[in-house]
N, C-alpha and C. Protein backbone atom coordinates (compact mmCIF):
# COMPACT_ATOMS: atom_id res chain seq x y z
N MET A 1 -36.94 36.02 17.09
CA MET A 1 -36.43 35.32 16.13
C MET A 1 -34.99 34.69 16.41
N ARG A 2 -34.08 35.73 16.99
CA ARG A 2 -32.70 35.63 17.41
C ARG A 2 -32.36 34.25 18.13
N HIS A 3 -33.56 34.05 18.95
CA HIS A 3 -33.13 32.83 19.67
C HIS A 3 -33.44 31.85 18.72
N ILE A 4 -34.36 31.73 17.91
CA ILE A 4 -34.69 30.51 17.20
C ILE A 4 -33.15 30.20 16.20
N THR A 5 -32.47 31.53 15.68
CA THR A 5 -31.29 31.25 14.96
C THR A 5 -30.18 30.71 15.82
N GLU A 6 -29.86 31.52 17.26
CA GLU A 6 -28.90 30.69 17.80
C GLU A 6 -29.03 29.17 18.16
N HIS A 7 -30.47 28.61 18.42
CA HIS A 7 -30.57 27.52 18.70
C HIS A 7 -30.53 26.30 17.78
N SER A 8 -30.86 26.99 16.21
CA SER A 8 -30.26 26.06 15.11
C SER A 8 -28.90 26.15 14.86
N SER A 9 -28.07 27.20 15.09
CA SER A 9 -26.81 27.25 14.77
C SER A 9 -26.06 25.95 15.65
N THR A 10 -26.88 26.26 17.34
CA THR A 10 -26.16 25.30 18.09
C THR A 10 -26.35 24.02 18.05
N LYS A 11 -27.26 23.50 17.64
CA LYS A 11 -27.95 22.22 17.27
C LYS A 11 -27.10 21.63 15.97
N ARG A 12 -27.29 22.79 14.67
CA ARG A 12 -26.44 22.04 13.63
C ARG A 12 -24.83 21.89 14.20
N ARG A 13 -24.11 22.57 15.01
CA ARG A 13 -23.00 22.41 15.45
C ARG A 13 -22.87 21.09 16.08
N PHE A 14 -23.65 20.81 17.29
CA PHE A 14 -24.03 19.54 17.80
C PHE A 14 -23.89 18.24 16.91
N HIS A 15 -24.63 18.68 16.24
CA HIS A 15 -24.92 17.65 14.89
C HIS A 15 -23.77 17.30 14.20
N VAL A 16 -22.67 17.98 13.62
CA VAL A 16 -21.54 18.04 12.88
C VAL A 16 -20.62 17.23 13.94
N LEU A 17 -20.54 18.00 15.36
CA LEU A 17 -19.46 16.99 16.20
C LEU A 17 -20.05 15.79 16.17
N LYS A 18 -21.43 15.42 16.48
CA LYS A 18 -21.54 13.80 16.76
C LYS A 18 -21.14 13.38 15.25
N GLN A 19 -21.63 13.83 14.38
CA GLN A 19 -21.10 13.28 13.20
C GLN A 19 -19.62 12.95 12.91
N ASN A 20 -18.84 13.80 13.43
CA ASN A 20 -17.48 13.63 13.38
C ASN A 20 -16.92 12.68 14.61
N LYS A 21 -17.37 12.74 15.35
CA LYS A 21 -17.17 11.69 16.74
C LYS A 21 -17.42 10.25 15.84
N ARG A 22 -18.71 10.00 15.32
CA ARG A 22 -19.16 8.77 14.75
C ARG A 22 -18.26 8.41 13.97
N MET A 23 -17.70 9.14 13.05
CA MET A 23 -16.41 9.05 12.14
C MET A 23 -15.37 8.23 12.69
N ALA A 24 -14.88 8.97 13.64
CA ALA A 24 -13.69 8.86 14.31
C ALA A 24 -13.74 7.25 15.12
N ASN A 25 -14.97 7.12 15.17
CA ASN A 25 -14.92 5.94 16.08
C ASN A 25 -14.90 4.78 14.66
N VAL A 26 -15.60 4.88 13.74
CA VAL A 26 -15.57 4.05 12.77
C VAL A 26 -14.31 3.55 12.23
N ASN A 27 -13.44 4.47 12.15
CA ASN A 27 -12.10 4.82 11.72
C ASN A 27 -10.87 4.40 12.51
N GLN A 28 -11.37 4.31 13.95
CA GLN A 28 -10.30 4.14 14.82
C GLN A 28 -10.88 2.86 15.42
N TYR A 29 -9.45 1.76 15.68
CA TYR A 29 -9.44 0.51 16.23
C TYR A 29 -8.41 0.96 17.41
N THR A 30 -8.38 -0.24 18.24
CA THR A 30 -7.49 -0.18 19.29
C THR A 30 -7.08 -1.40 19.13
N LEU A 31 -5.62 -1.41 19.22
CA LEU A 31 -5.13 -3.12 18.86
C LEU A 31 -4.11 -2.74 20.66
N ASP A 32 -4.21 -3.96 21.05
CA ASP A 32 -3.50 -4.20 22.26
C ASP A 32 -2.10 -5.12 22.14
N SER A 33 -1.60 -5.31 23.40
CA SER A 33 -0.31 -5.84 22.95
C SER A 33 -0.63 -7.38 22.45
N ILE A 34 -1.30 -8.20 22.73
CA ILE A 34 -1.50 -9.20 21.90
C ILE A 34 -1.65 -9.16 20.55
N ASP A 35 -2.66 -8.34 20.12
CA ASP A 35 -3.06 -7.94 18.41
C ASP A 35 -1.49 -7.46 17.91
N LEU A 36 -0.65 -6.84 18.94
CA LEU A 36 0.61 -6.40 18.20
C LEU A 36 1.54 -7.43 17.96
N ASP A 37 1.70 -8.44 19.34
CA ASP A 37 2.06 -9.85 19.30
C ASP A 37 2.06 -10.55 18.15
N ILE A 38 0.72 -10.81 17.81
CA ILE A 38 0.35 -11.66 16.55
C ILE A 38 0.76 -11.02 15.27
N LEU A 39 0.67 -9.62 14.93
CA LEU A 39 1.22 -9.02 14.05
C LEU A 39 2.61 -9.41 13.60
N ARG A 40 3.45 -9.10 14.63
CA ARG A 40 4.62 -9.28 14.75
C ARG A 40 5.38 -10.50 14.17
N ALA A 41 4.60 -11.64 14.81
CA ALA A 41 4.90 -12.72 14.52
C ALA A 41 4.22 -12.92 13.14
N LEU A 42 3.36 -12.70 12.76
CA LEU A 42 2.95 -12.99 11.43
C LEU A 42 3.87 -12.59 10.05
N GLN A 43 4.32 -11.06 10.41
CA GLN A 43 5.26 -10.63 9.67
C GLN A 43 6.50 -11.67 9.70
N GLU A 44 6.82 -11.64 10.48
CA GLU A 44 8.19 -13.05 10.78
C GLU A 44 7.72 -14.14 9.72
N ASP A 45 6.44 -14.78 10.07
CA ASP A 45 6.34 -16.17 9.58
C ASP A 45 5.12 -16.17 9.15
N ALA A 46 4.65 -15.78 8.27
CA ALA A 46 3.03 -15.76 7.85
C ALA A 46 2.38 -17.18 7.71
N ARG A 47 3.18 -18.25 7.67
CA ARG A 47 3.08 -19.51 7.26
C ARG A 47 2.52 -20.31 8.71
N LEU A 48 2.56 -19.78 9.70
CA LEU A 48 2.57 -20.07 11.05
C LEU A 48 0.98 -20.68 11.05
N THR A 49 0.92 -21.94 11.83
CA THR A 49 -0.59 -22.43 12.03
C THR A 49 -0.82 -21.74 13.11
N THR A 50 -2.25 -21.40 13.23
CA THR A 50 -3.21 -21.16 14.58
C THR A 50 -2.37 -21.42 15.93
N ARG A 51 -2.38 -22.74 15.62
CA ARG A 51 -1.71 -23.55 17.03
C ARG A 51 -0.53 -23.03 17.20
N GLN A 52 0.47 -22.83 16.34
CA GLN A 52 1.85 -22.25 16.18
C GLN A 52 2.00 -20.84 16.98
N LEU A 53 1.37 -20.15 16.24
CA LEU A 53 1.22 -18.71 16.23
C LEU A 53 0.41 -18.46 17.78
N ALA A 54 -0.32 -19.34 18.52
CA ALA A 54 -0.72 -19.20 19.88
C ALA A 54 0.18 -19.39 20.73
N ALA A 55 1.01 -20.40 20.39
CA ALA A 55 1.99 -20.75 21.34
C ALA A 55 3.21 -19.66 21.31
N LYS A 56 3.32 -19.10 20.02
CA LYS A 56 4.17 -18.27 20.25
C LYS A 56 3.92 -16.71 20.54
N VAL A 57 2.63 -16.46 20.94
CA VAL A 57 2.16 -15.12 21.70
C VAL A 57 1.54 -15.60 23.21
N HIS A 58 1.58 -16.91 23.67
CA HIS A 58 1.45 -17.51 25.04
C HIS A 58 -0.19 -17.37 25.14
N ARG A 59 -1.04 -17.29 24.02
CA ARG A 59 -2.36 -17.49 24.34
C ARG A 59 -2.82 -19.19 23.87
N SER A 60 -4.12 -19.38 23.91
CA SER A 60 -4.61 -20.44 23.40
C SER A 60 -5.14 -20.41 21.84
N PRO A 61 -5.26 -21.23 20.93
CA PRO A 61 -5.73 -21.08 19.78
C PRO A 61 -6.79 -20.41 19.22
N THR A 62 -7.78 -20.77 19.78
CA THR A 62 -9.07 -20.25 19.61
C THR A 62 -9.28 -18.74 19.53
N PRO A 63 -8.86 -18.32 20.62
CA PRO A 63 -9.02 -16.87 20.94
C PRO A 63 -8.15 -15.71 19.92
N VAL A 64 -6.90 -16.47 19.49
CA VAL A 64 -5.95 -16.04 18.83
C VAL A 64 -6.66 -15.99 17.18
N PHE A 65 -7.20 -17.42 16.80
CA PHE A 65 -7.79 -17.65 15.51
C PHE A 65 -8.88 -16.35 15.18
N GLU A 66 -9.46 -16.29 16.29
CA GLU A 66 -10.83 -14.90 16.17
C GLU A 66 -9.97 -13.53 16.14
N ARG A 67 -8.99 -13.38 16.90
CA ARG A 67 -8.08 -12.33 16.73
C ARG A 67 -7.44 -12.13 15.50
N VAL A 68 -6.90 -13.09 14.74
CA VAL A 68 -6.29 -12.83 13.26
C VAL A 68 -7.48 -12.88 12.49
N ARG A 69 -8.62 -13.19 12.27
CA ARG A 69 -9.88 -12.96 11.50
C ARG A 69 -10.39 -11.64 11.78
N ARG A 70 -10.34 -10.76 13.04
CA ARG A 70 -10.78 -9.53 13.01
C ARG A 70 -9.55 -8.85 12.48
N LEU A 71 -8.35 -8.85 12.61
CA LEU A 71 -7.24 -8.20 12.18
C LEU A 71 -7.55 -8.35 10.65
N GLU A 72 -7.81 -9.21 10.05
CA GLU A 72 -8.19 -9.05 8.56
C GLU A 72 -9.12 -8.70 8.05
N THR A 73 -10.06 -8.53 9.09
CA THR A 73 -11.36 -7.74 8.64
C THR A 73 -11.15 -6.47 8.80
N GLN A 74 -10.48 -5.97 9.79
CA GLN A 74 -10.37 -4.89 10.12
C GLN A 74 -9.37 -4.16 8.88
N GLY A 75 -8.76 -4.97 8.21
CA GLY A 75 -7.82 -4.48 7.34
C GLY A 75 -6.52 -4.28 7.69
N PHE A 76 -5.84 -4.44 9.05
CA PHE A 76 -4.59 -4.30 9.54
C PHE A 76 -3.55 -5.58 8.67
N ILE A 77 -4.55 -6.71 8.37
CA ILE A 77 -3.64 -7.96 7.51
C ILE A 77 -4.33 -7.57 6.33
N ARG A 78 -3.62 -7.49 5.13
CA ARG A 78 -4.33 -7.15 4.15
C ARG A 78 -4.07 -8.49 2.99
N HIS A 79 -3.07 -9.05 3.34
CA HIS A 79 -2.83 -10.17 2.44
C HIS A 79 -1.87 -11.26 3.05
N TYR A 80 -1.59 -12.44 2.47
CA TYR A 80 -0.38 -13.20 3.02
C TYR A 80 0.43 -13.16 1.43
N ALA A 81 1.90 -13.36 1.55
CA ALA A 81 2.49 -13.41 0.47
C ALA A 81 3.99 -14.22 1.00
N ALA A 82 4.50 -14.93 -0.13
CA ALA A 82 5.72 -15.26 -0.14
C ALA A 82 6.83 -14.41 -0.62
N VAL A 83 7.88 -14.25 0.26
CA VAL A 83 8.79 -12.95 -0.69
C VAL A 83 9.83 -13.87 -1.41
N LEU A 84 9.78 -13.62 -3.03
CA LEU A 84 10.80 -14.67 -3.63
C LEU A 84 12.01 -13.59 -4.11
N ASP A 85 13.21 -14.75 -4.48
CA ASP A 85 14.59 -14.03 -4.93
C ASP A 85 14.27 -13.31 -6.20
N ALA A 86 14.32 -12.56 -6.74
CA ALA A 86 14.07 -11.78 -7.87
C ALA A 86 15.32 -12.40 -8.97
N ASP A 87 16.49 -12.45 -8.26
CA ASP A 87 17.51 -12.69 -8.85
C ASP A 87 17.71 -14.30 -9.50
N LYS A 88 16.98 -15.00 -8.63
CA LYS A 88 17.14 -16.39 -8.94
C LYS A 88 15.78 -16.88 -10.03
N LEU A 89 15.13 -15.94 -9.90
CA LEU A 89 13.92 -16.04 -10.92
C LEU A 89 14.28 -15.18 -12.13
N GLY A 90 15.44 -14.82 -12.35
CA GLY A 90 15.66 -13.97 -13.64
C GLY A 90 14.97 -12.79 -13.80
N GLN A 91 14.89 -11.98 -12.48
CA GLN A 91 14.24 -10.38 -12.68
C GLN A 91 14.69 -9.99 -11.71
N GLY A 92 16.45 -9.93 -11.63
CA GLY A 92 17.18 -9.14 -10.58
C GLY A 92 17.65 -7.63 -11.18
N PHE A 93 17.09 -7.29 -12.60
CA PHE A 93 17.28 -6.05 -12.92
C PHE A 93 16.61 -5.15 -12.57
N MET A 94 16.74 -4.41 -11.59
CA MET A 94 15.70 -3.28 -11.03
C MET A 94 15.90 -2.17 -11.53
N VAL A 95 14.65 -1.28 -11.79
CA VAL A 95 14.86 0.06 -12.12
C VAL A 95 13.76 1.06 -11.00
N ILE A 96 14.26 2.06 -10.83
CA ILE A 96 13.45 3.14 -10.55
C ILE A 96 13.02 4.18 -11.26
N CYS A 97 11.88 3.97 -11.68
CA CYS A 97 11.57 4.93 -12.87
C CYS A 97 10.87 6.05 -12.15
N HIS A 98 11.19 7.52 -12.62
CA HIS A 98 10.13 8.26 -12.73
C HIS A 98 9.45 9.02 -13.74
N VAL A 99 8.27 9.22 -13.33
CA VAL A 99 7.31 9.67 -14.61
C VAL A 99 6.43 10.94 -14.37
N LYS A 100 6.48 11.58 -15.43
CA LYS A 100 6.00 12.85 -15.26
C LYS A 100 4.99 12.90 -16.50
N LEU A 101 3.65 13.63 -16.08
CA LEU A 101 2.71 13.18 -16.90
C LEU A 101 2.73 14.86 -17.76
N ARG A 102 2.46 14.97 -19.02
CA ARG A 102 2.03 16.00 -19.49
C ARG A 102 1.52 16.87 -19.05
N ILE A 103 0.41 16.25 -18.67
CA ILE A 103 -0.94 17.26 -17.96
C ILE A 103 -1.46 16.40 -17.27
N ILE A 104 -1.75 16.85 -16.10
CA ILE A 104 -2.87 15.87 -15.40
C ILE A 104 -4.00 16.50 -14.61
N ASN A 105 -5.07 15.57 -14.99
CA ASN A 105 -6.51 15.77 -14.19
C ASN A 105 -6.98 14.07 -13.60
N ARG A 106 -8.09 14.46 -13.16
CA ARG A 106 -8.52 13.44 -12.68
C ARG A 106 -8.71 11.81 -13.65
N ASP A 107 -9.17 12.15 -14.88
CA ASP A 107 -9.58 11.29 -15.87
C ASP A 107 -8.18 10.69 -16.40
N ILE A 108 -7.04 11.74 -16.69
CA ILE A 108 -5.58 11.30 -17.09
C ILE A 108 -5.10 10.39 -16.18
N ALA A 109 -4.97 10.96 -14.52
CA ALA A 109 -4.47 10.38 -13.75
C ALA A 109 -5.15 8.51 -13.40
N SER A 110 -6.16 8.44 -13.37
CA SER A 110 -7.23 7.13 -13.50
C SER A 110 -6.65 6.29 -14.39
N THR A 111 -6.43 6.90 -15.54
CA THR A 111 -6.48 6.27 -16.54
C THR A 111 -4.66 5.57 -16.75
N PHE A 112 -4.07 6.17 -16.45
CA PHE A 112 -2.42 5.96 -16.42
C PHE A 112 -2.14 4.77 -14.98
N VAL A 113 -3.11 5.30 -13.99
CA VAL A 113 -2.75 4.26 -12.93
C VAL A 113 -3.61 3.02 -13.21
N GLU A 114 -4.54 2.65 -14.11
CA GLU A 114 -4.99 1.29 -14.12
C GLU A 114 -4.30 0.89 -15.03
N TYR A 115 -3.71 1.54 -15.69
CA TYR A 115 -2.82 0.85 -17.37
C TYR A 115 -1.26 0.52 -16.42
N VAL A 116 -0.97 1.20 -15.74
CA VAL A 116 0.36 0.80 -14.86
C VAL A 116 0.29 -0.64 -13.84
N ARG A 117 -1.15 -0.88 -13.31
CA ARG A 117 -1.76 -1.79 -12.37
C ARG A 117 -1.67 -3.16 -13.36
N GLY A 118 -1.72 -2.68 -14.46
CA GLY A 118 -1.77 -4.16 -15.12
C GLY A 118 -0.45 -4.70 -15.99
N LEU A 119 0.61 -3.70 -15.46
CA LEU A 119 2.03 -4.13 -16.28
C LEU A 119 2.58 -4.93 -15.05
N ALA A 120 3.03 -6.27 -15.59
CA ALA A 120 3.48 -7.05 -14.75
C ALA A 120 4.95 -6.61 -14.50
N GLU A 121 5.53 -5.85 -15.24
CA GLU A 121 6.99 -5.48 -14.77
C GLU A 121 7.09 -4.48 -13.39
N VAL A 122 5.92 -3.95 -13.23
CA VAL A 122 5.89 -3.01 -12.40
C VAL A 122 5.50 -3.52 -10.87
N SER A 123 6.26 -3.58 -9.94
CA SER A 123 6.27 -4.12 -8.63
C SER A 123 5.59 -3.17 -7.87
N GLU A 124 5.81 -1.89 -8.17
CA GLU A 124 5.32 -0.79 -7.02
C GLU A 124 5.30 0.23 -7.78
N CYS A 125 4.11 1.47 -7.51
CA CYS A 125 4.09 2.44 -8.25
C CYS A 125 3.31 3.30 -7.25
N TYR A 126 3.86 4.43 -6.82
CA TYR A 126 3.66 5.61 -6.13
C TYR A 126 3.21 6.91 -6.68
N HIS A 127 2.13 7.51 -6.30
CA HIS A 127 1.84 8.90 -6.63
C HIS A 127 2.50 9.71 -5.66
N VAL A 128 3.67 10.74 -6.16
CA VAL A 128 4.41 11.61 -5.53
C VAL A 128 4.10 12.91 -5.56
N SER A 129 4.76 13.87 -4.80
CA SER A 129 4.95 15.33 -4.91
C SER A 129 6.18 15.46 -5.26
N GLY A 130 6.51 16.77 -6.12
CA GLY A 130 7.43 17.11 -6.21
C GLY A 130 7.81 17.32 -7.93
N SER A 131 8.88 17.25 -8.37
CA SER A 131 9.28 16.89 -9.76
C SER A 131 8.52 16.11 -10.84
N PHE A 132 8.37 14.99 -10.12
CA PHE A 132 7.69 14.27 -10.88
C PHE A 132 6.29 13.43 -10.35
N ASP A 133 5.24 13.17 -11.18
CA ASP A 133 4.23 12.63 -10.89
C ASP A 133 4.09 11.23 -9.96
N TYR A 134 4.69 10.34 -10.37
CA TYR A 134 4.79 9.06 -10.17
C TYR A 134 6.13 8.18 -10.06
N ILE A 135 6.74 7.56 -8.84
CA ILE A 135 7.61 6.66 -9.03
C ILE A 135 7.20 5.10 -8.92
N LEU A 136 8.18 4.41 -9.90
CA LEU A 136 7.68 3.08 -10.10
C LEU A 136 8.91 2.20 -9.91
N LYS A 137 8.57 1.27 -9.41
CA LYS A 137 9.82 -0.07 -9.22
C LYS A 137 9.32 -0.85 -10.29
N VAL A 138 10.34 -0.73 -11.12
CA VAL A 138 10.17 -2.08 -12.32
C VAL A 138 11.42 -3.15 -12.27
N ARG A 139 10.72 -4.26 -12.72
CA ARG A 139 11.56 -5.44 -12.27
C ARG A 139 11.79 -5.85 -14.13
N ALA A 140 13.16 -6.52 -14.41
CA ALA A 140 13.19 -7.20 -15.79
C ALA A 140 14.15 -8.04 -15.59
N ALA A 141 14.42 -8.71 -16.77
CA ALA A 141 15.55 -9.50 -16.84
C ALA A 141 16.88 -9.02 -17.32
N SER A 142 16.78 -7.88 -17.79
CA SER A 142 18.14 -7.26 -18.64
C SER A 142 17.59 -6.11 -18.94
N MET A 143 18.90 -5.27 -19.39
CA MET A 143 18.57 -3.76 -19.79
C MET A 143 17.73 -3.93 -21.23
N ALA A 144 17.77 -4.77 -22.02
CA ALA A 144 17.38 -5.17 -23.03
C ALA A 144 15.84 -5.14 -22.94
N GLN A 145 15.41 -6.03 -22.05
CA GLN A 145 13.70 -6.25 -21.48
C GLN A 145 13.32 -5.06 -20.96
N TYR A 146 14.23 -4.23 -20.46
CA TYR A 146 13.77 -2.88 -19.84
C TYR A 146 13.48 -2.25 -20.92
N ARG A 147 14.28 -2.09 -21.79
CA ARG A 147 14.21 -0.98 -22.80
C ARG A 147 13.16 -1.21 -23.73
N ASP A 148 12.37 -2.89 -23.71
CA ASP A 148 11.22 -3.09 -24.52
C ASP A 148 10.17 -2.17 -23.93
N PHE A 149 10.38 -2.47 -22.51
CA PHE A 149 9.12 -2.11 -21.97
C PHE A 149 8.93 -0.84 -21.71
N LEU A 150 9.98 -0.22 -21.54
CA LEU A 150 10.38 1.62 -21.92
C LEU A 150 9.55 2.01 -23.03
N LEU A 151 10.03 1.30 -24.40
CA LEU A 151 9.36 1.72 -25.58
C LEU A 151 8.23 1.63 -25.73
N ASN A 152 7.74 0.16 -25.26
CA ASN A 152 6.36 -0.40 -26.16
C ASN A 152 5.55 -0.29 -24.98
N LYS A 153 5.78 -0.18 -23.68
CA LYS A 153 4.53 -0.13 -22.89
C LYS A 153 4.35 1.19 -22.13
N LEU A 154 5.47 1.88 -21.53
CA LEU A 154 5.37 3.07 -20.70
C LEU A 154 5.47 4.03 -21.54
N GLY A 155 6.18 4.25 -22.60
CA GLY A 155 6.43 5.30 -23.71
C GLY A 155 5.20 5.24 -24.31
N ALA A 156 4.56 4.14 -24.67
CA ALA A 156 3.02 4.13 -25.51
C ALA A 156 1.80 4.70 -25.04
N ILE A 157 2.11 5.10 -23.55
CA ILE A 157 0.84 6.15 -23.09
C ILE A 157 1.11 7.22 -23.41
N ASP A 158 -0.08 7.89 -24.17
CA ASP A 158 0.02 9.22 -24.62
C ASP A 158 0.22 10.34 -23.38
N SER A 159 -0.44 10.10 -22.45
CA SER A 159 0.04 11.28 -21.28
C SER A 159 1.37 11.56 -20.66
N VAL A 160 1.95 10.22 -20.97
CA VAL A 160 3.41 10.29 -20.26
C VAL A 160 4.65 11.56 -21.42
N GLY A 161 5.23 12.59 -20.35
CA GLY A 161 5.60 13.64 -20.76
C GLY A 161 7.15 13.25 -20.88
N THR A 162 7.68 13.13 -19.20
CA THR A 162 9.07 12.42 -19.29
C THR A 162 9.30 11.48 -18.07
N ILE A 163 10.25 10.62 -18.85
CA ILE A 163 10.58 9.27 -18.02
C ILE A 163 11.85 9.52 -17.36
N GLU A 164 12.52 9.28 -16.30
CA GLU A 164 13.74 9.35 -15.86
C GLU A 164 13.93 7.67 -15.15
N SER A 165 15.15 7.31 -15.56
CA SER A 165 15.53 6.04 -15.19
C SER A 165 16.65 6.01 -14.11
N ALA A 166 16.57 5.23 -13.06
CA ALA A 166 17.54 5.21 -12.24
C ALA A 166 17.74 3.77 -12.31
N PHE A 167 19.09 2.92 -12.40
CA PHE A 167 19.26 1.61 -12.59
C PHE A 167 19.98 1.24 -10.86
N VAL A 168 19.25 0.24 -10.57
CA VAL A 168 19.59 -0.19 -8.99
C VAL A 168 20.95 -1.11 -9.34
N MET A 169 22.05 -0.61 -8.87
CA MET A 169 23.24 -1.33 -8.73
C MET A 169 23.41 -2.31 -7.42
N THR A 170 23.33 -2.23 -6.25
CA THR A 170 22.75 -3.20 -5.20
C THR A 170 21.53 -2.42 -4.25
N GLU A 171 20.96 -3.81 -3.95
CA GLU A 171 19.99 -3.56 -3.12
C GLU A 171 20.48 -3.64 -1.75
N ILE A 172 20.30 -2.40 -0.82
CA ILE A 172 20.99 -2.61 0.28
C ILE A 172 20.07 -2.93 1.52
N LYS A 173 18.75 -2.61 1.27
CA LYS A 173 17.70 -3.22 2.27
C LYS A 173 16.14 -2.93 1.79
N ASN A 174 15.57 -4.28 1.67
CA ASN A 174 14.33 -4.47 1.10
C ASN A 174 13.63 -5.48 2.17
N ASP A 175 12.99 -4.48 3.12
CA ASP A 175 12.36 -5.20 4.37
C ASP A 175 10.74 -4.81 4.33
N PRO A 176 9.91 -5.65 4.12
CA PRO A 176 8.63 -5.18 3.76
C PRO A 176 7.59 -5.15 5.16
N THR A 177 8.58 -5.63 5.98
CA THR A 177 7.94 -5.56 7.68
C THR A 177 7.64 -4.01 8.17
N LEU A 178 6.86 -3.82 8.95
CA LEU A 178 6.43 -2.43 9.54
C LEU A 178 6.94 -2.64 10.85
N PRO A 179 7.64 -1.90 11.32
CA PRO A 179 7.97 -1.55 13.12
C PRO A 179 7.04 -1.32 14.03
N ILE A 180 6.60 -2.20 14.28
CA ILE A 180 5.61 -2.21 15.19
C ILE A 180 5.89 -2.78 16.85
């Protein structure tokens, strides 16, 4: 009986190790220097054609095209976007808004997150640890528009307990690129 128990335990441990190894292989991708060069070039200018990108990384277009598609499929490239000038578009008033919910559980957090995702004024939202539950980056045209947003949209959420606003006086650095 003892032999069977030890064998089962060993077999179970092996199965768990095998599952963990499989999971690591699924979630782990290897990027070579060419992939990194492609990602750097696209961060600098996402409008490059495949031919231009290939020239920039010193490769031929077809393999570069295939690498870009693979990087997109694997999620390294999430989407392409143009970086707009908020001041020129009348959205230069920026507020960092700290939000603490009165109570928090899965349903309340999920409802809050879905609501915030639908607010055009919120350009970024982070669930954080510490004194507050969420940090929002809010864009508005003016203090009056932010006040309206605060009172009629963010303040209208029943679960919101505390809101603390920090008004950005000068944007020192706003760089969406990753250091790769």
